[in-house]
Amino acid sequence: MSDRLLVLVRHGQSEWNLKNLFTGWKDPGLTEKGISEAKAAGQKLKAQGLVFDVAFTSVLTRAQTTLDLMLNELGQTGLPTQKNLALNERDYGDLSGLNKDDARKKWGEEQVHVWRRSYDVPPPGGESLKDTLARTLPYYVQEILPCVLRGERTLVAAHGNSLRALIMVLEKLTPEGILKRELGTGAPVVYRLNADSTVASKLDLAE
């Protein structure tokens, strides 16, 4: 039986995560902590004896840097990698670049909470989680999943909300369930899939 391996990793802490800013499609780099988290993620995967055949990431620097740092720890630099904006973070529109506390002062605590935590209400000029799923899931089905099912060991470095889309399908979560699913920065989640693409096993390598 082939090893239908799929590992999902949210990027390490970014400069804007640290500053409590809405990031979305903006492109800050990793903090020192984020760099350490990405390296640690690679070390955890190596400790599990994992090697990869293909990788996927977004077009944003923080995800690509996280992937590069992990592959360096794994001794797999130069791994074939596909970069696609389908895996980008949710677009926060007019909130992008704003401090979350300042946004609450401007629009009110309740409204900002709705934008952040509802499934289908987008912030002004941005995407809801439902919108993010609508672009991420087809890419997963058409590009990522076939690699996994062919037995190509697959590593995905992306973002909290784009990865939630994949987790929603893999773990068969409801819209309410996915909103509650937290993903730590730099914390790999290791799935092995059955031939019908359902999850055979899951290992969360968060601390």
C-alpha atoms as a PDB file:
ATOM      1  CA  MET A   1       0.000   0.000   0.000  1.00  0.00           C
ATOM      2  CA  SER A   2       1.284   3.438  -0.858  1.00  0.00           C
ATOM      3  CA  ASP A   3       1.802   5.941   1.914  1.00  0.00           C
ATOM      4  CA  ARG A   4      -0.938   8.498   1.245  1.00  0.00           C
ATOM      5  CA  LEU A   5       0.658  11.202   3.361  1.00  0.00           C
ATOM      6  CA  LEU A   6      -0.600  14.784   3.645  1.00  0.00           C
ATOM      7  CA  VAL A   7       0.990  17.236   6.088  1.00  0.00           C
ATOM      8  CA  LEU A   8      -0.493  20.688   6.682  1.00  0.00           C
ATOM      9  CA  VAL A   9       1.531  23.442   8.358  1.00  0.00           C
ATOM     10  CA  ARG A  10       0.475  26.998   9.116  1.00  0.00           C
ATOM     11  CA  HIS A  11       3.338  29.472   8.618  1.00  0.00           C
ATOM     12  CA  GLY A  12       5.408  30.602  11.592  1.00  0.00           C
ATOM     13  CA  GLN A  13       4.582  33.828  13.410  1.00  0.00           C
ATOM     14  CA  SER A  14       4.696  36.847  11.085  1.00  0.00           C
ATOM     15  CA  GLU A  15       5.646  40.431  11.904  1.00  0.00           C
ATOM     16  CA  TRP A  16       1.968  41.365  11.736  1.00  0.00           C
ATOM     17  CA  ASN A  17       0.821  38.451  13.901  1.00  0.00           C
ATOM     18  CA  LEU A  18       3.153  39.902  16.527  1.00  0.00           C
ATOM     19  CA  LYS A  19       1.711  43.399  16.118  1.00  0.00           C
ATOM     20  CA  ASN A  20      -1.896  42.132  16.266  1.00  0.00           C
ATOM     21  CA  LEU A  21      -2.660  43.380  12.744  1.00  0.00           C
ATOM     22  CA  PHE A  22      -5.091  41.943  10.216  1.00  0.00           C
ATOM     23  CA  THR A  23      -2.769  40.519   7.575  1.00  0.00           C
ATOM     24  CA  GLY A  24      -4.746  38.777   4.811  1.00  0.00           C
ATOM     25  CA  TRP A  25      -3.016  39.198   1.445  1.00  0.00           C
ATOM     26  CA  LYS A  26      -0.463  41.671   2.770  1.00  0.00           C
ATOM     27  CA  ASP A  27       3.036  40.237   2.750  1.00  0.00           C
ATOM     28  CA  PRO A  28       5.029  40.727   5.970  1.00  0.00           C
ATOM     29  CA  GLY A  29       7.904  38.393   6.741  1.00  0.00           C
ATOM     30  CA  LEU A  30       8.447  36.063   9.685  1.00  0.00           C
ATOM     31  CA  THR A  31       9.590  37.205  13.126  1.00  0.00           C
ATOM     32  CA  GLU A  32      12.571  35.568  14.810  1.00  0.00           C
ATOM     33  CA  LYS A  33      10.035  33.453  16.689  1.00  0.00           C
ATOM     34  CA  GLY A  34       8.344  32.564  13.383  1.00  0.00           C
ATOM     35  CA  ILE A  35      11.674  31.455  11.920  1.00  0.00           C
ATOM     36  CA  SER A  36      12.277  29.286  14.994  1.00  0.00           C
ATOM     37  CA  GLU A  37       8.763  27.823  14.715  1.00  0.00           C
ATOM     38  CA  ALA A  38       9.306  26.911  11.062  1.00  0.00           C
ATOM     39  CA  LYS A  39      12.646  25.258  11.804  1.00  0.00           C
ATOM     40  CA  ALA A  40      11.090  23.391  14.728  1.00  0.00           C
ATOM     41  CA  ALA A  41       8.287  22.174  12.448  1.00  0.00           C
ATOM     42  CA  GLY A  42      10.893  20.737  10.083  1.00  0.00           C
ATOM     43  CA  GLN A  43      12.674  19.078  12.989  1.00  0.00           C
ATOM     44  CA  LYS A  44       9.420  17.520  14.226  1.00  0.00           C
ATOM     45  CA  LEU A  45       8.709  16.102  10.779  1.00  0.00           C
ATOM     46  CA  LYS A  46      12.252  14.760  10.545  1.00  0.00           C
ATOM     47  CA  ALA A  47      11.892  13.148  13.982  1.00  0.00           C
ATOM     48  CA  GLN A  48       8.842  11.313  12.616  1.00  0.00           C
ATOM     49  CA  GLY A  49      11.013   9.961   9.802  1.00  0.00           C
ATOM     50  CA  LEU A  50       8.979  11.795   7.165  1.00  0.00           C
ATOM     51  CA  VAL A  51      10.251  12.648   3.701  1.00  0.00           C
ATOM     52  CA  PHE A  52       8.280  14.315   0.928  1.00  0.00           C
ATOM     53  CA  ASP A  53       7.851  14.080  -2.828  1.00  0.00           C
ATOM     54  CA  VAL A  54       6.047  17.357  -3.499  1.00  0.00           C
ATOM     55  CA  ALA A  55       5.110  20.589  -1.707  1.00  0.00           C
ATOM     56  CA  PHE A  56       2.443  23.242  -2.108  1.00  0.00           C
ATOM     57  CA  THR A  57       2.378  26.786  -0.756  1.00  0.00           C
ATOM     58  CA  SER A  58       0.748  30.175  -1.301  1.00  0.00           C
ATOM     59  CA  VAL A  59       2.203  33.166  -3.153  1.00  0.00           C
ATOM     60  CA  LEU A  60       2.853  34.946   0.169  1.00  0.00           C
ATOM     61  CA  THR A  61       6.343  35.238   1.615  1.00  0.00           C
ATOM     62  CA  ARG A  62       5.559  34.018   5.140  1.00  0.00           C
ATOM     63  CA  ALA A  63       4.279  30.666   3.872  1.00  0.00           C
ATOM     64  CA  GLN A  64       7.096  30.228   1.344  1.00  0.00           C
ATOM     65  CA  THR A  65       9.773  31.063   3.926  1.00  0.00           C
ATOM     66  CA  THR A  66       8.205  28.604   6.375  1.00  0.00           C
ATOM     67  CA  LEU A  67       8.305  25.893   3.701  1.00  0.00           C
ATOM     68  CA  ASP A  68      11.930  26.662   2.804  1.00  0.00           C
ATOM     69  CA  LEU A  69      13.017  26.526   6.452  1.00  0.00           C
ATOM     70  CA  MET A  70      11.221  23.216   7.014  1.00  0.00           C
ATOM     71  CA  LEU A  71      12.743  21.669   3.893  1.00  0.00           C
ATOM     72  CA  ASN A  72      16.189  22.831   4.978  1.00  0.00           C
ATOM     73  CA  GLU A  73      15.757  21.023   8.301  1.00  0.00           C
ATOM     74  CA  LEU A  74      14.538  17.935   6.443  1.00  0.00           C
ATOM     75  CA  GLY A  75      17.506  18.016   4.073  1.00  0.00           C
ATOM     76  CA  GLN A  76      15.063  18.334   1.172  1.00  0.00           C
ATOM     77  CA  THR A  77      15.831  21.731  -0.315  1.00  0.00           C
ATOM     78  CA  GLY A  78      14.870  21.835  -3.986  1.00  0.00           C
ATOM     79  CA  LEU A  79      11.733  19.724  -3.500  1.00  0.00           C
ATOM     80  CA  PRO A  80       9.266  20.246  -6.406  1.00  0.00           C
ATOM     81  CA  THR A  81       6.920  22.983  -5.178  1.00  0.00           C
ATOM     82  CA  GLN A  82       3.746  24.527  -6.546  1.00  0.00           C
ATOM     83  CA  LYS A  83       2.847  28.076  -5.482  1.00  0.00           C
ATOM     84  CA  ASN A  84      -0.726  29.241  -5.966  1.00  0.00           C
ATOM     85  CA  LEU A  85      -2.858  32.101  -4.665  1.00  0.00           C
ATOM     86  CA  ALA A  86      -5.653  29.572  -4.070  1.00  0.00           C
ATOM     87  CA  LEU A  87      -3.742  28.780  -0.860  1.00  0.00           C
ATOM     88  CA  ASN A  88      -3.409  32.428   0.198  1.00  0.00           C
ATOM     89  CA  GLU A  89      -4.768  33.602   3.520  1.00  0.00           C
ATOM     90  CA  ARG A  90      -8.288  34.960   3.642  1.00  0.00           C
ATOM     91  CA  ASP A  91      -8.407  38.487   2.217  1.00  0.00           C
ATOM     92  CA  TYR A  92      -9.412  40.847   5.026  1.00  0.00           C
ATOM     93  CA  GLY A  93     -10.151  43.709   2.615  1.00  0.00           C
ATOM     94  CA  ASP A  94     -10.462  47.074   4.379  1.00  0.00           C
ATOM     95  CA  LEU A  95      -9.277  45.526   7.652  1.00  0.00           C
ATOM     96  CA  SER A  96      -5.873  44.534   6.182  1.00  0.00           C
ATOM     97  CA  GLY A  97      -3.042  46.294   7.986  1.00  0.00           C
ATOM     98  CA  LEU A  98      -5.255  47.552  10.804  1.00  0.00           C
ATOM     99  CA  ASN A  99      -4.619  46.791  14.441  1.00  0.00           C
ATOM    100  CA  LYS A 100      -7.411  44.562  15.704  1.00  0.00           C
ATOM    101  CA  ASP A 101      -8.062  46.874  18.666  1.00  0.00           C
ATOM    102  CA  ASP A 102      -8.265  49.911  16.347  1.00  0.00           C
ATOM    103  CA  ALA A 103     -10.723  48.030  14.135  1.00  0.00           C
ATOM    104  CA  ARG A 104     -12.907  47.361  17.170  1.00  0.00           C
ATOM    105  CA  LYS A 105     -12.868  51.075  18.036  1.00  0.00           C
ATOM    106  CA  LYS A 106     -13.872  51.989  14.478  1.00  0.00           C
ATOM    107  CA  TRP A 107     -16.582  49.388  13.797  1.00  0.00           C
ATOM    108  CA  GLY A 108     -17.422  48.095  17.256  1.00  0.00           C
ATOM    109  CA  GLU A 109     -16.480  44.899  19.087  1.00  0.00           C
ATOM    110  CA  GLU A 110     -19.525  42.976  17.895  1.00  0.00           C
ATOM    111  CA  GLN A 111     -19.143  43.807  14.194  1.00  0.00           C
ATOM    112  CA  VAL A 112     -15.435  42.927  14.135  1.00  0.00           C
ATOM    113  CA  HIS A 113     -16.198  39.669  15.961  1.00  0.00           C
ATOM    114  CA  VAL A 114     -18.780  38.822  13.281  1.00  0.00           C
ATOM    115  CA  TRP A 115     -16.260  39.479  10.498  1.00  0.00           C
ATOM    116  CA  ARG A 116     -13.594  37.400  12.207  1.00  0.00           C
ATOM    117  CA  ARG A 117     -15.679  34.504  13.420  1.00  0.00           C
ATOM    118  CA  SER A 118     -18.738  34.147  11.211  1.00  0.00           C
ATOM    119  CA  TYR A 119     -18.657  31.655   8.365  1.00  0.00           C
ATOM    120  CA  ASP A 120     -20.212  33.727   5.570  1.00  0.00           C
ATOM    121  CA  VAL A 121     -20.067  37.450   6.492  1.00  0.00           C
ATOM    122  CA  PRO A 122     -17.085  39.132   4.755  1.00  0.00           C
ATOM    123  CA  PRO A 123     -15.389  42.312   6.010  1.00  0.00           C
ATOM    124  CA  PRO A 124     -15.706  45.320   3.671  1.00  0.00           C
ATOM    125  CA  GLY A 125     -13.851  44.567   0.436  1.00  0.00           C
ATOM    126  CA  GLY A 126     -12.684  41.188   1.698  1.00  0.00           C
ATOM    127  CA  GLU A 127     -13.550  37.491   1.926  1.00  0.00           C
ATOM    128  CA  SER A 128     -15.576  35.458   4.381  1.00  0.00           C
ATOM    129  CA  LEU A 129     -14.314  32.044   5.416  1.00  0.00           C
ATOM    130  CA  LYS A 130     -16.905  30.634   3.006  1.00  0.00           C
ATOM    131  CA  ASP A 131     -15.337  32.681   0.164  1.00  0.00           C
ATOM    132  CA  THR A 132     -11.888  31.406   1.127  1.00  0.00           C
ATOM    133  CA  LEU A 133     -13.115  27.808   1.008  1.00  0.00           C
ATOM    134  CA  ALA A 134     -14.624  28.460  -2.420  1.00  0.00           C
ATOM    135  CA  ARG A 135     -11.185  29.142  -3.909  1.00  0.00           C
ATOM    136  CA  THR A 136      -9.103  26.776  -1.785  1.00  0.00           C
ATOM    137  CA  LEU A 137     -11.161  23.581  -2.013  1.00  0.00           C
ATOM    138  CA  PRO A 138     -11.225  23.245  -5.822  1.00  0.00           C
ATOM    139  CA  TYR A 139      -7.452  23.639  -5.851  1.00  0.00           C
ATOM    140  CA  TYR A 140      -7.137  20.940  -3.198  1.00  0.00           C
ATOM    141  CA  VAL A 141      -9.386  18.554  -5.127  1.00  0.00           C
ATOM    142  CA  GLN A 142      -7.768  19.206  -8.517  1.00  0.00           C
ATOM    143  CA  GLU A 143      -4.087  19.589  -7.596  1.00  0.00           C
ATOM    144  CA  ILE A 144      -3.187  18.435  -4.073  1.00  0.00           C
ATOM    145  CA  LEU A 145      -5.429  15.430  -3.428  1.00  0.00           C
ATOM    146  CA  PRO A 146      -4.463  13.570  -6.656  1.00  0.00           C
ATOM    147  CA  CYS A 147      -0.792  13.745  -5.587  1.00  0.00           C
ATOM    148  CA  VAL A 148      -1.643  12.266  -2.188  1.00  0.00           C
ATOM    149  CA  LEU A 149      -3.785   9.496  -3.674  1.00  0.00           C
ATOM    150  CA  ARG A 150      -0.977   8.590  -6.118  1.00  0.00           C
ATOM    151  CA  GLY A 151       1.243   7.984  -3.087  1.00  0.00           C
ATOM    152  CA  GLU A 152       3.240  11.201  -3.435  1.00  0.00           C
ATOM    153  CA  ARG A 153       4.053  12.338   0.090  1.00  0.00           C
ATOM    154  CA  THR A 154       2.708  15.874   0.175  1.00  0.00           C
ATOM    155  CA  LEU A 155       3.604  18.886   2.348  1.00  0.00           C
ATOM    156  CA  VAL A 156       1.408  22.022   2.372  1.00  0.00           C
ATOM    157  CA  ALA A 157       2.641  25.251   3.995  1.00  0.00           C
ATOM    158  CA  ALA A 158      -0.102  27.853   4.013  1.00  0.00           C
ATOM    159  CA  HIS A 159      -2.294  29.965   6.297  1.00  0.00           C
ATOM    160  CA  GLY A 160      -4.788  29.607   9.133  1.00  0.00           C
ATOM    161  CA  ASN A 161      -7.892  30.144   7.040  1.00  0.00           C
ATOM    162  CA  SER A 162      -6.856  28.466   3.790  1.00  0.00           C
ATOM    163  CA  LEU A 163      -5.819  25.382   5.780  1.00  0.00           C
ATOM    164  CA  ARG A 164      -9.129  25.449   7.630  1.00  0.00           C
ATOM    165  CA  ALA A 165     -10.773  24.812   4.265  1.00  0.00           C
ATOM    166  CA  LEU A 166      -8.797  21.606   3.832  1.00  0.00           C
ATOM    167  CA  ILE A 167      -9.311  20.557   7.455  1.00  0.00           C
ATOM    168  CA  MET A 168     -13.055  21.131   7.101  1.00  0.00           C
ATOM    169  CA  VAL A 169     -13.161  18.505   4.353  1.00  0.00           C
ATOM    170  CA  LEU A 170     -10.646  16.109   5.884  1.00  0.00           C
ATOM    171  CA  GLU A 171     -12.232  16.128   9.337  1.00  0.00           C
ATOM    172  CA  LYS A 172     -15.814  16.501   8.051  1.00  0.00           C
ATOM    173  CA  LEU A 173     -16.450  19.585  10.156  1.00  0.00           C
ATOM    174  CA  THR A 174     -19.564  21.767   9.979  1.00  0.00           C
ATOM    175  CA  PRO A 175     -19.299  25.526   9.317  1.00  0.00           C
ATOM    176  CA  GLU A 176     -19.685  25.980  13.084  1.00  0.00           C
ATOM    177  CA  GLY A 177     -17.066  23.336  13.814  1.00  0.00           C
ATOM    178  CA  ILE A 178     -14.436  24.840  11.528  1.00  0.00           C
ATOM    179  CA  LEU A 179     -14.802  28.248  13.179  1.00  0.00           C
ATOM    180  CA  LYS A 180     -13.733  26.689  16.478  1.00  0.00           C
ATOM    181  CA  ARG A 181     -10.779  24.808  14.978  1.00  0.00           C
ATOM    182  CA  GLU A 182      -7.602  26.604  15.982  1.00  0.00           C
ATOM    183  CA  LEU A 183      -4.324  26.114  14.138  1.00  0.00           C
ATOM    184  CA  GLY A 184      -1.098  27.047  15.874  1.00  0.00           C
ATOM    185  CA  THR A 185       1.704  28.713  13.922  1.00  0.00           C
ATOM    186  CA  GLY A 186       4.350  26.243  12.802  1.00  0.00           C
ATOM    187  CA  ALA A 187       2.440  23.223  14.137  1.00  0.00           C
ATOM    188  CA  PRO A 188       2.333  20.335  11.611  1.00  0.00           C
ATOM    189  CA  VAL A 189      -0.773  18.179  11.297  1.00  0.00           C
ATOM    190  CA  VAL A 190       0.013  14.794   9.734  1.00  0.00           C
ATOM    191  CA  TYR A 191      -2.762  12.933   7.914  1.00  0.00           C
ATOM    192  CA  ARG A 192      -2.700   9.557   6.239  1.00  0.00           C
ATOM    193  CA  LEU A 193      -5.567   9.015   3.837  1.00  0.00           C
ATOM    194  CA  ASN A 194      -7.524   5.991   2.705  1.00  0.00           C
ATOM    195  CA  ALA A 195      -7.883   5.232  -1.004  1.00  0.00           C
ATOM    196  CA  ASP A 196     -11.283   6.980  -0.987  1.00  0.00           C
ATOM    197  CA  SER A 197      -9.604  10.196   0.331  1.00  0.00           C
ATOM    198  CA  THR A 198     -11.035   9.903   3.852  1.00  0.00           C
ATOM    199  CA  VAL A 199      -8.690  10.173   6.833  1.00  0.00           C
ATOM    200  CA  ALA A 200      -7.126   6.913   8.036  1.00  0.00           C
ATOM    201  CA  SER A 201      -5.100   8.570  10.793  1.00  0.00           C
ATOM    202  CA  LYS A 202      -4.223  12.008  12.117  1.00  0.00           C
ATOM    203  CA  LEU A 203      -1.241  13.112  14.205  1.00  0.00           C
ATOM    204  CA  ASP A 204      -1.072  16.681  15.554  1.00  0.00           C
ATOM    205  CA  LEU A 205       2.531  17.693  16.204  1.00  0.00           C
ATOM    206  CA  ALA A 206       1.670  20.873  18.111  1.00  0.00           C
ATOM    207  CA  GLU A 207       3.595  21.295  21.372  1.00  0.00           C
END
